[in-house]
Protein backbone atom coordinates (compact mmCIF):
# COMPACT_ATOMS: atom_id res chain seq x y z
CA UNK A 1 1.36 -53.70 8.21
CA UNK A 2 0.95 -51.79 4.84
CA UNK A 3 -2.75 -52.01 5.21
CA UNK A 4 -2.48 -50.36 8.62
CA UNK A 5 -0.31 -47.64 7.31
CA UNK A 6 -2.67 -46.92 4.27
CA UNK A 7 -5.74 -46.81 6.86
CA UNK A 8 -3.64 -44.54 9.09
CA UNK A 9 -2.77 -42.34 6.29
CA UNK A 10 -6.45 -42.10 5.07
CA UNK A 11 -7.36 -41.22 8.68
CA UNK A 12 -4.79 -38.40 8.82
CA UNK A 13 -5.81 -37.12 5.32
CA UNK A 14 -9.43 -36.93 6.52
CA UNK A 15 -8.48 -35.16 9.67
CA UNK A 16 -6.37 -32.81 7.69
CA UNK A 17 -9.34 -32.20 5.20
CA UNK A 18 -11.64 -31.84 8.08
CA UNK A 19 -9.44 -28.94 9.64
CA UNK A 20 -8.98 -27.32 6.24
CA UNK A 21 -12.68 -27.40 5.87
CA UNK A 22 -12.92 -25.14 9.07
CA UNK A 23 -11.02 -22.30 7.36
CA UNK A 24 -14.10 -20.28 6.35
CA UNK A 25 -12.44 -18.05 3.72
CA UNK A 26 -9.15 -19.28 2.09
CA UNK A 27 -8.69 -16.54 -0.52
CA UNK A 28 -7.45 -13.39 1.33
CA UNK A 29 -5.76 -10.06 0.42
CA UNK A 30 -3.43 -8.47 3.07
CA UNK A 31 -1.80 -4.84 2.63
CA UNK A 32 1.42 -3.55 3.67
CA UNK A 33 3.68 -0.60 3.46
CA UNK A 34 7.17 -0.75 1.99
CA UNK A 35 9.05 -0.93 5.36
CA UNK A 36 11.19 -3.53 6.80
CA UNK A 37 8.72 -4.36 9.56
CA UNK A 38 6.36 -5.90 6.90
CA UNK A 39 8.81 -8.88 6.88
CA UNK A 40 6.47 -11.22 8.94
CA UNK A 41 3.89 -10.90 6.25
CA UNK A 42 6.52 -11.01 3.29
CA UNK A 43 7.98 -14.21 4.90
CA UNK A 44 4.65 -15.83 5.61
CA UNK A 45 4.06 -15.64 1.85
CA UNK A 46 7.36 -16.35 0.47
CA UNK A 47 8.40 -19.22 2.95
CA UNK A 48 4.83 -20.72 2.37
CA UNK A 49 3.42 -20.33 5.82
CA UNK A 50 0.22 -19.08 4.57
CA UNK A 51 -0.15 -22.07 2.06
CA UNK A 52 0.85 -24.64 4.78
CA UNK A 53 -2.02 -23.35 6.99
CA UNK A 54 -4.62 -23.64 4.19
CA UNK A 55 -4.71 -20.22 2.96
CA UNK A 56 -4.22 -18.42 -0.45
CA UNK A 57 -3.02 -15.02 0.25
CA UNK A 58 -2.49 -12.10 -2.04
CA UNK A 59 0.16 -9.79 -0.20
CA UNK A 60 -0.26 -6.20 -1.68
CA UNK A 61 2.09 -3.19 -1.28
CA UNK A 62 -0.19 -0.18 -0.64
CA UNK A 63 0.82 2.88 -2.49
CA UNK A 64 -1.46 5.36 -0.75
CA UNK A 65 0.38 5.33 2.46
CA UNK A 66 -1.20 4.54 5.81
CA UNK A 67 -4.54 6.34 4.94
CA UNK A 68 -4.89 3.96 2.03
CA UNK A 69 -4.15 0.87 4.12
CA UNK A 70 -6.59 2.05 6.75
CA UNK A 71 -9.40 2.99 4.13
CA UNK A 72 -8.98 -0.40 2.42
CA UNK A 73 -9.17 -2.48 5.75
CA UNK A 74 -12.45 -0.65 6.67
CA UNK A 75 -13.98 -0.99 3.22
CA UNK A 76 -12.98 -4.71 3.22
CA UNK A 77 -10.72 -4.51 0.14
CA UNK A 78 -8.10 -5.78 2.44
CA UNK A 79 -8.94 -8.73 4.75
CA UNK A 80 -5.87 -7.92 7.08
CA UNK A 81 -3.13 -5.40 7.10
CA UNK A 82 0.21 -4.16 8.37
CA UNK A 83 -0.78 -1.38 10.70
CA UNK A 84 0.57 1.19 12.87
CA UNK A 85 -0.16 0.12 16.59
CA UNK A 86 -2.35 3.12 17.15
CA UNK A 87 -4.45 2.88 14.12
CA UNK A 88 -7.11 0.25 15.02
CA UNK A 89 -7.42 2.03 18.45
CA UNK A 90 -8.12 5.43 16.66
CA UNK A 91 -10.60 3.97 14.27
CA UNK A 92 -12.49 2.36 16.88
CA UNK A 93 -12.58 5.78 18.86
CA UNK A 94 -13.53 7.36 15.53
CA UNK A 95 -10.64 9.69 15.09
CA UNK A 96 -8.94 7.66 12.25
CA UNK A 97 -11.84 6.36 10.13
CA UNK A 98 -14.77 5.12 12.08
CA UNK A 99 -14.96 1.27 12.29
CA UNK A 100 -14.37 -1.24 15.04
CA UNK A 101 -10.92 -2.75 14.08
CA UNK A 102 -8.85 -5.19 16.19
CA UNK A 103 -5.18 -5.70 16.62
CA UNK A 104 -4.73 -9.59 16.63
CA UNK A 105 -0.87 -9.76 17.22
CA UNK A 106 2.05 -7.27 17.36
CA UNK A 107 4.33 -7.73 14.41
CA UNK A 108 7.54 -6.20 16.01
CA UNK A 109 9.41 -4.14 18.51
CA UNK A 110 11.60 -1.11 17.44
CA UNK A 111 12.56 -0.34 13.91
CA UNK A 112 12.37 3.53 13.65
CA UNK A 113 14.75 6.30 13.66
CA UNK A 114 14.97 10.01 13.60
CA UNK A 115 17.07 11.37 10.82
CA UNK A 116 17.98 14.97 10.25
CA UNK A 117 19.61 16.65 7.14
CA UNK A 118 23.03 17.82 7.07
CA UNK A 119 22.43 21.45 7.45
CA UNK A 120 20.52 21.39 10.73
CA UNK A 121 22.93 18.88 12.08
CA UNK A 122 25.81 21.18 11.61
CA UNK A 123 23.76 24.06 13.38
CA UNK A 124 22.92 21.58 16.26
CA UNK A 125 26.71 20.97 16.70
CA UNK A 126 27.27 24.66 17.49
CA UNK A 127 24.99 24.23 20.25
CA UNK A 128 26.97 21.16 21.90
CA UNK A 129 25.65 18.25 20.11
CA UNK A 130 27.76 15.00 20.09
CA UNK A 131 26.14 12.94 17.37
CA UNK A 132 27.98 9.99 18.69
CA UNK A 133 26.26 9.92 22.04
CA UNK A 134 23.88 7.05 22.74
CA UNK A 135 21.00 7.85 23.48
CA UNK A 136 21.21 11.30 21.98
CA UNK A 137 18.87 13.99 23.54
CA UNK A 138 17.13 16.74 21.81
CA UNK A 139 18.94 19.47 24.07
CA UNK A 140 21.08 20.96 21.21
CA UNK A 141 17.85 21.22 18.95
CA UNK A 142 16.00 23.08 21.93
CA UNK A 143 19.10 25.52 22.19
CA UNK A 144 19.03 26.11 18.45
CA UNK A 145 15.21 26.65 18.37
CA UNK A 146 15.67 29.11 21.29
CA UNK A 147 18.34 31.07 19.44
CA UNK A 148 16.30 31.16 16.18
CA UNK A 149 13.14 32.27 18.08
CA UNK A 150 15.17 35.12 19.79
CA UNK A 151 16.50 36.18 16.56
CA UNK A 152 13.37 36.06 14.57
CA UNK A 153 11.03 37.28 17.35
CA UNK A 154 7.61 37.73 15.99
CA UNK A 155 8.66 36.48 12.54
CA UNK A 156 9.69 33.29 14.06
CA UNK A 157 9.43 30.23 11.41
CA UNK A 158 8.94 26.89 13.05
CA UNK A 159 11.13 24.21 11.85
CA UNK A 160 9.42 21.50 9.64
CA UNK A 161 9.63 17.79 10.40
CA UNK A 162 8.07 14.57 8.88
CA UNK A 163 6.42 11.38 10.29
CA UNK A 164 4.19 8.89 8.66
CA UNK A 165 0.71 9.53 10.37
CA UNK A 166 -0.94 11.34 13.13
CA UNK A 167 -1.66 8.35 15.35
CA UNK A 168 1.75 6.56 14.55
CA UNK A 169 4.36 5.65 16.91
CA UNK A 170 6.77 8.03 14.71
CA UNK A 171 4.63 10.93 15.66
CA UNK A 172 4.56 10.23 19.43
CA UNK A 173 8.34 9.25 19.39
CA UNK A 174 9.49 12.37 17.59
CA UNK A 175 7.32 14.38 20.05
CA UNK A 176 8.50 12.49 23.04
CA UNK A 177 12.07 12.89 22.10
CA UNK A 178 11.47 16.83 21.43
CA UNK A 179 9.58 17.41 24.66
CA UNK A 180 11.96 15.59 26.72
CA UNK A 181 14.14 18.67 26.53
CA UNK A 182 11.33 21.31 26.55
CA UNK A 183 10.42 21.72 22.97
CA UNK A 184 6.84 22.26 22.44
CA UNK A 185 6.23 20.43 19.31
CA UNK A 186 3.13 22.38 18.02
CA UNK A 187 4.56 25.70 18.90
CA UNK A 188 8.21 25.20 18.15
CA UNK A 189 7.96 23.19 15.04
CA UNK A 190 5.60 21.96 12.57
CA UNK A 191 4.99 18.07 12.18
CA UNK A 192 3.59 17.05 8.98
CA UNK A 193 2.53 13.32 7.72
CA UNK A 194 4.35 11.81 4.66
CA UNK A 195 4.20 8.26 3.15
CA UNK A 196 7.37 6.54 4.39
CA UNK A 197 9.05 5.87 1.08
CA UNK A 198 8.90 9.77 0.29
CA UNK A 199 10.71 10.74 3.40
CA UNK A 200 14.19 10.89 1.80
CA UNK A 201 13.15 12.84 -1.29
CA UNK A 202 11.17 15.34 0.94
CA UNK A 203 14.27 15.97 3.08
CA UNK A 204 16.60 16.19 0.22
CA UNK A 205 14.17 18.67 -1.56
CA UNK A 206 14.30 20.89 1.86
CA UNK A 207 10.66 20.44 2.55
CA UNK A 208 11.49 19.11 6.01
CA UNK A 209 14.48 19.33 8.30
CA UNK A 210 14.31 15.87 9.38
CA UNK A 211 11.82 13.06 10.04
CA UNK A 212 10.80 9.96 12.06
CA UNK A 213 10.26 6.83 9.99
CA UNK A 214 10.87 3.02 9.95
CA UNK A 215 13.44 1.44 7.85
CA UNK A 216 14.98 1.38 5.28
CA UNK A 217 14.05 5.03 4.85
CA UNK A 218 16.69 6.20 7.42
CA UNK A 219 19.69 4.26 6.12
CA UNK A 220 18.73 5.33 2.58
CA UNK A 221 19.42 9.08 3.64
CA UNK A 222 22.54 7.98 5.56
CA UNK A 223 24.18 5.99 2.82
CA UNK A 224 23.49 8.91 0.35
CA UNK A 225 25.27 11.11 2.78
CA UNK A 226 22.46 13.60 2.83
CA UNK A 227 21.94 13.25 6.61
CA UNK A 228 22.49 11.12 9.77
CA UNK A 229 20.26 9.22 12.02
CA UNK A 230 20.53 10.87 15.50
CA UNK A 231 18.42 8.55 17.46
CA UNK A 232 16.48 5.24 17.04
CA UNK A 233 13.08 4.55 18.88
CA UNK A 234 15.03 1.72 20.71
CA UNK A 235 17.08 4.51 22.20
CA UNK A 236 14.06 6.56 23.20
CA UNK A 237 11.96 3.52 24.53
CA UNK A 238 13.63 0.18 24.56
CA UNK A 239 11.63 -2.71 23.09
CA UNK A 240 8.70 -0.51 22.25
CA UNK A 241 5.76 -1.79 20.13
CA UNK A 242 5.59 -0.62 16.64
CA UNK A 243 3.30 -2.34 14.06
CA UNK A 244 0.20 -4.70 14.45
CA UNK A 245 -1.71 -7.03 12.41
CA UNK A 246 -5.25 -5.50 12.16
CA UNK A 247 -8.65 -6.66 10.75
CA UNK A 248 -12.16 -5.81 11.30
CA UNK A 249 -13.85 -7.12 14.40
CA UNK A 250 -16.76 -8.31 12.30
CA UNK A 251 -14.42 -10.32 10.15
CA UNK A 252 -13.19 -12.13 13.17
CA UNK A 253 -16.65 -12.94 14.24
CA UNK A 254 -17.55 -14.30 10.70
CA UNK A 255 -14.35 -15.96 9.96
CA UNK A 256 -12.58 -17.16 13.30
CA UNK A 257 -10.76 -20.03 11.85
CA UNK A 258 -9.53 -18.00 8.86
CA UNK A 259 -8.20 -15.39 11.45
CA UNK A 260 -6.44 -17.94 13.56
CA UNK A 261 -4.73 -19.49 10.28
CA UNK A 262 -3.58 -16.04 9.24
CA UNK A 263 -2.23 -15.42 12.89
CA UNK A 264 -0.65 -18.75 12.95
CA UNK A 265 1.11 -18.15 9.67
CA UNK A 266 2.34 -14.75 10.61
CA UNK A 267 3.61 -16.01 13.97
CA UNK A 268 5.37 -18.77 12.56
CA UNK A 269 7.14 -16.18 10.14
CA UNK A 270 8.10 -14.00 13.00
CA UNK A 271 9.72 -17.24 14.77
CA UNK A 272 11.57 -17.89 11.58
CA UNK A 273 12.90 -14.30 11.19
CA UNK A 274 14.37 -14.32 14.74
CA UNK A 275 15.73 -18.13 14.51
CA UNK A 276 19.09 -16.74 12.95
CA UNK A 277 20.75 -13.98 11.31
CA UNK A 278 21.22 -16.09 8.23
CA UNK A 279 17.37 -16.08 8.11
CA UNK A 280 17.55 -12.18 8.48
CA UNK A 281 19.94 -11.89 5.40
CA UNK A 282 17.68 -14.06 3.37
CA UNK A 283 14.63 -11.93 4.41
CA UNK A 284 16.57 -8.90 3.31
CA UNK A 285 17.09 -10.30 -0.20
CA UNK A 286 13.36 -11.38 -0.57
CA UNK A 287 12.19 -7.84 0.66
CA UNK A 288 14.41 -5.80 -1.82
CA UNK A 289 12.20 -7.21 -4.57
CA UNK A 290 10.27 -4.53 -6.48
CA UNK A 291 6.77 -6.00 -5.29
CA UNK A 292 7.90 -5.67 -1.73
CA UNK A 293 10.28 -2.89 -0.13
CA UNK A 294 12.13 -2.28 -3.49
CA UNK A 295 15.37 -1.10 -1.68
CA UNK A 296 19.06 -2.30 -2.17
CA UNK A 297 19.95 -5.37 -0.21
CA UNK A 298 22.83 -3.49 1.48
CA UNK A 299 20.40 -0.97 2.71
CA UNK A 300 18.00 -3.56 4.01
CA UNK A 301 20.73 -5.48 5.64
CA UNK A 302 22.06 -2.29 7.68
CA UNK A 303 19.23 -2.70 10.27
CA UNK A 304 17.85 -6.21 9.62
CA UNK A 305 21.00 -8.05 10.52
CA UNK A 306 21.89 -6.64 14.12
CA UNK A 307 23.65 -3.39 13.21
CA UNK A 308 22.62 0.06 12.22
CA UNK A 309 24.66 2.97 10.77
CA UNK A 310 23.65 6.19 12.55
CA UNK A 311 26.13 8.53 10.99
CA UNK A 312 26.85 9.35 7.12
CA UNK A 313 30.39 8.32 6.21
CA UNK A 314 31.03 6.20 9.23
CA UNK A 315 30.77 2.48 10.22
CA UNK A 316 27.73 0.71 11.32
CA UNK A 317 27.27 0.19 15.02
CA UNK A 318 26.02 -3.07 16.87
CA UNK A 319 22.21 -2.66 17.38
CA UNK A 320 21.18 -6.14 17.88
CA UNK A 321 17.61 -5.17 19.12
CA UNK A 322 16.76 -2.72 16.26
CA UNK A 323 14.39 -5.17 14.92
CA UNK A 324 12.80 -7.75 17.15
CA UNK A 325 10.04 -9.84 15.73
CA UNK A 326 9.36 -12.80 18.17
CA UNK A 327 11.84 -12.76 20.96
CA UNK A 328 10.85 -11.00 24.23
CA UNK A 329 7.13 -11.56 23.50
CA UNK A 330 7.53 -9.09 20.66
CA UNK A 331 4.49 -10.76 18.94
CA UNK A 332 2.19 -10.43 21.85
CA UNK A 333 -0.48 -7.64 21.96
CA UNK A 334 -0.09 -6.31 25.47
CA UNK A 335 -3.13 -4.38 26.66
CA UNK A 336 -0.85 -1.89 28.42
CA UNK A 337 1.20 -1.27 25.11
CA UNK A 338 -2.26 -0.32 23.46
CA UNK A 339 -3.28 1.97 26.25
CA UNK A 340 0.15 3.70 26.02
CA UNK A 341 -1.03 4.93 22.55
CA UNK A 342 -4.25 6.23 23.96
CA UNK A 343 -2.23 8.07 26.54
CA UNK A 344 -0.32 9.74 23.77
CA UNK A 345 -3.64 10.66 21.90
CA UNK A 346 -4.79 12.48 25.04
CA UNK A 347 -1.32 14.07 25.76
CA UNK A 348 -1.26 15.84 21.97
CA UNK A 349 -4.86 16.64 21.92
CA UNK A 350 -6.30 14.07 19.41
CA UNK A 351 -9.22 12.86 21.65
CA UNK A 352 -11.60 15.52 22.98
CA UNK A 353 -13.57 13.65 25.40
CA UNK A 354 -13.00 11.23 28.23
CA UNK A 355 -13.28 7.62 27.50
CA UNK A 356 -12.68 4.47 29.62
CA UNK A 357 -9.27 3.53 28.42
CA UNK A 358 -9.27 0.22 29.71
CA UNK A 359 -12.59 -0.65 28.07
CA UNK A 360 -11.54 0.66 24.78
CA UNK A 361 -8.17 -1.27 24.72
CA UNK A 362 -9.88 -4.60 25.59
CA UNK A 363 -12.25 -4.23 22.77
CA UNK A 364 -9.28 -3.48 20.34
CA UNK A 365 -6.30 -5.68 21.32
CA UNK A 366 -6.73 -9.39 21.37
CA UNK A 367 -4.38 -11.24 23.63
CA UNK A 368 -6.96 -13.90 24.38
CA UNK A 369 -7.21 -14.97 20.80
CA UNK A 370 -3.51 -14.73 20.41
CA UNK A 371 -3.16 -17.07 23.48
CA UNK A 372 -5.10 -19.70 21.56
CA UNK A 373 -2.92 -19.56 18.44
CA UNK A 374 0.15 -19.38 20.34
CA UNK A 375 -0.36 -22.81 21.72
CA UNK A 376 -0.64 -24.22 18.50
CA UNK A 377 2.67 -22.88 17.29
CA UNK A 378 4.66 -23.34 20.63
CA UNK A 379 4.98 -19.45 21.24
CA UNK A 380 5.39 -18.65 24.91
CA UNK A 381 2.95 -16.28 26.62
CA UNK A 382 4.16 -13.46 29.10
CA UNK A 383 2.57 -13.73 32.64
CA UNK A 384 0.08 -10.99 32.05
CA UNK A 385 -1.23 -8.67 29.39
CA UNK A 386 -0.61 -5.73 31.60
CA UNK A 387 3.00 -4.64 32.45
CA UNK A 388 4.84 -1.61 33.48
CA UNK A 389 7.25 -0.08 31.04
CA UNK A 390 10.57 1.81 31.91
CA UNK A 391 11.21 -0.48 34.95
CA UNK A 392 14.05 -2.84 33.83
CA UNK A 393 17.18 -2.85 31.78
CA UNK A 394 15.46 -4.18 28.70
CA UNK A 395 12.81 -1.80 28.74
CA UNK A 396 13.59 1.74 29.69
CA UNK A 397 12.66 5.34 28.56
CA UNK A 398 15.38 7.77 27.73
CA UNK A 399 14.21 10.26 30.07
CA UNK A 400 13.82 7.67 32.95
CA UNK A 401 10.12 7.85 33.35
CA UNK A 402 7.95 4.85 34.08
CA UNK A 403 4.70 3.99 32.48
CA UNK A 404 2.44 2.17 34.85
CA UNK A 405 -1.21 1.38 33.19
CA UNK A 406 -2.58 1.65 36.76
CA UNK A 407 -1.67 5.49 36.69
CA UNK A 408 -2.45 6.11 33.02
CA UNK A 409 -4.27 9.37 33.58
CA UNK A 410 -1.46 10.74 35.92
CA UNK A 411 1.05 9.68 33.20
CA UNK A 412 -0.77 11.73 30.58
CA UNK A 413 -0.31 14.89 32.81
CA UNK A 414 3.08 14.19 34.36
CA UNK A 415 5.31 15.35 31.56
CA UNK A 416 5.22 19.16 31.86
CA UNK A 417 4.32 19.50 28.16
CA UNK A 418 1.15 18.35 26.92
CA UNK A 419 -1.77 19.70 24.72
CA UNK A 420 -4.52 17.78 26.20
CA UNK A 421 -8.12 19.19 25.64
CA UNK A 422 -9.48 17.01 28.34
CA UNK A 423 -9.13 17.69 32.08
CA UNK A 424 -7.36 15.45 34.27
CA UNK A 425 -10.44 15.41 36.54
CA UNK A 426 -12.77 14.12 33.74
CA UNK A 427 -10.41 11.56 32.57
CA UNK A 428 -9.99 10.25 36.07
CA UNK A 429 -13.67 9.98 36.36
CA UNK A 430 -14.07 8.03 33.27
CA UNK A 431 -11.46 5.55 34.61
CA UNK A 432 -12.28 4.69 37.94
CA UNK A 433 -10.61 1.21 37.48
CA UNK A 434 -7.18 2.58 38.09
CA UNK A 435 -5.18 0.92 40.42
CA UNK A 436 -7.03 -2.42 40.00
CA UNK A 437 -4.94 -3.91 37.07
CA UNK A 438 -2.71 -6.98 38.00
CA UNK A 439 0.54 -5.96 36.26
CA UNK A 440 3.45 -8.51 35.96
CA UNK A 441 6.77 -7.96 34.40
CA UNK A 442 7.98 -10.75 31.79
CA UNK A 443 11.51 -11.66 31.74
CA UNK A 444 13.72 -10.91 28.82
CA UNK A 445 13.78 -14.20 26.93
CA UNK A 446 15.21 -15.17 23.45
CA UNK A 447 13.67 -18.78 23.02
CA UNK A 448 13.37 -18.62 19.09
CA UNK A 449 17.07 -17.74 18.15
CA UNK A 450 19.82 -15.16 18.37
CA UNK A 451 18.32 -12.61 16.04
CA UNK A 452 17.03 -9.64 17.81
CA UNK A 453 18.60 -10.68 21.03
CA UNK A 454 20.53 -8.19 23.41
CA UNK A 455 24.11 -7.66 23.69
CA UNK A 456 24.45 -6.65 27.16
CA UNK A 457 26.83 -4.03 25.91
CA UNK A 458 24.36 -2.03 24.11
CA UNK A 459 21.52 -2.25 26.78
CA UNK A 460 20.50 0.90 28.70
CA UNK A 461 21.03 0.71 32.33
């Protein structure tokens, strides 16, 4: 019997060794920005998922903001990185670097806020703003801007706001929120990029009136009582895509097993993060360390543990879906989500020629590769990589609009406020596939644990 066990153990050991040998590159460097949604990368490191999957990973905090991340992924200094969901798309299109990058998985849903300073909040209150309303529209800001423009006339000075990068979710969310009330962002305001950790200091210094950023840089201002968060991106678009794990396309080709091992490790970390609120509290403690986010635990816990403090001097409010890492298919790289970013690049004049949006996104997002890895870790797949957004109670836009990827071109020009430099006719001609996509709506599911799961009381109807 003992001999059989020894033989069996040797056999398993040889199998394990054989599997490990398939990993072409074990020593890796992965870059991240100091935000709470770097959690899957930090947890994959700190809880040993990278190591268990045969990898030796150096997880590095990038000090040069998102431009620094992108430059180092393109140059190969970083093998993978925490990335804004629009970054690999923009780089592949040649408008944010010039390299074929791919998004192998989504790191999370939601996680951002729009925070304004005390001065402008008081001015907006004079125009009817009720800061306790959820979701809060930009109507009071529009009225204030109109009054300011009427008073200053030809000497009008646009209000300045911050976001983290031109192709960031934050830029598009801030613009979407403004435009929903008739504000023309590039006429009525000035929107500037800043590295996320510098947002609070820029607001306090008076360089900007407010900003859109990920956590913990909203709660940092709220707890300092220098401003309040008026709206989160969950309020703007329930369960919207936020960050992705990106790498170069040629890296995946050269190191396919390494890529899968990284994906497997990060996906396991995402499942761990949503397994319990206790895990989220542990994650907040880990991320508070100087080599990670370097923020007080109590600040990180405000958003990571199912609550969010919108207003200075007031209690936190329940917001269980502020951070979702694995539940509701949050890790899955939907083609339709990626295409939404291309529609915004057109809406705001960032792409100056017509492209086949389907072809582009299918060359950047990798749900096919994700499906292979998901089977190994027991992560459920949605029925289709294409879905509509804005059609069910867990996935609504604040203005009630529906995004159907089969009508992507129409969506670009349907808002009444856009700065596109490409005509609708030209974009239609380049996207003759419209109407052929087989979209299917996934159900809201929380198979991995209670963290990030909806409380019906806080779901938009």
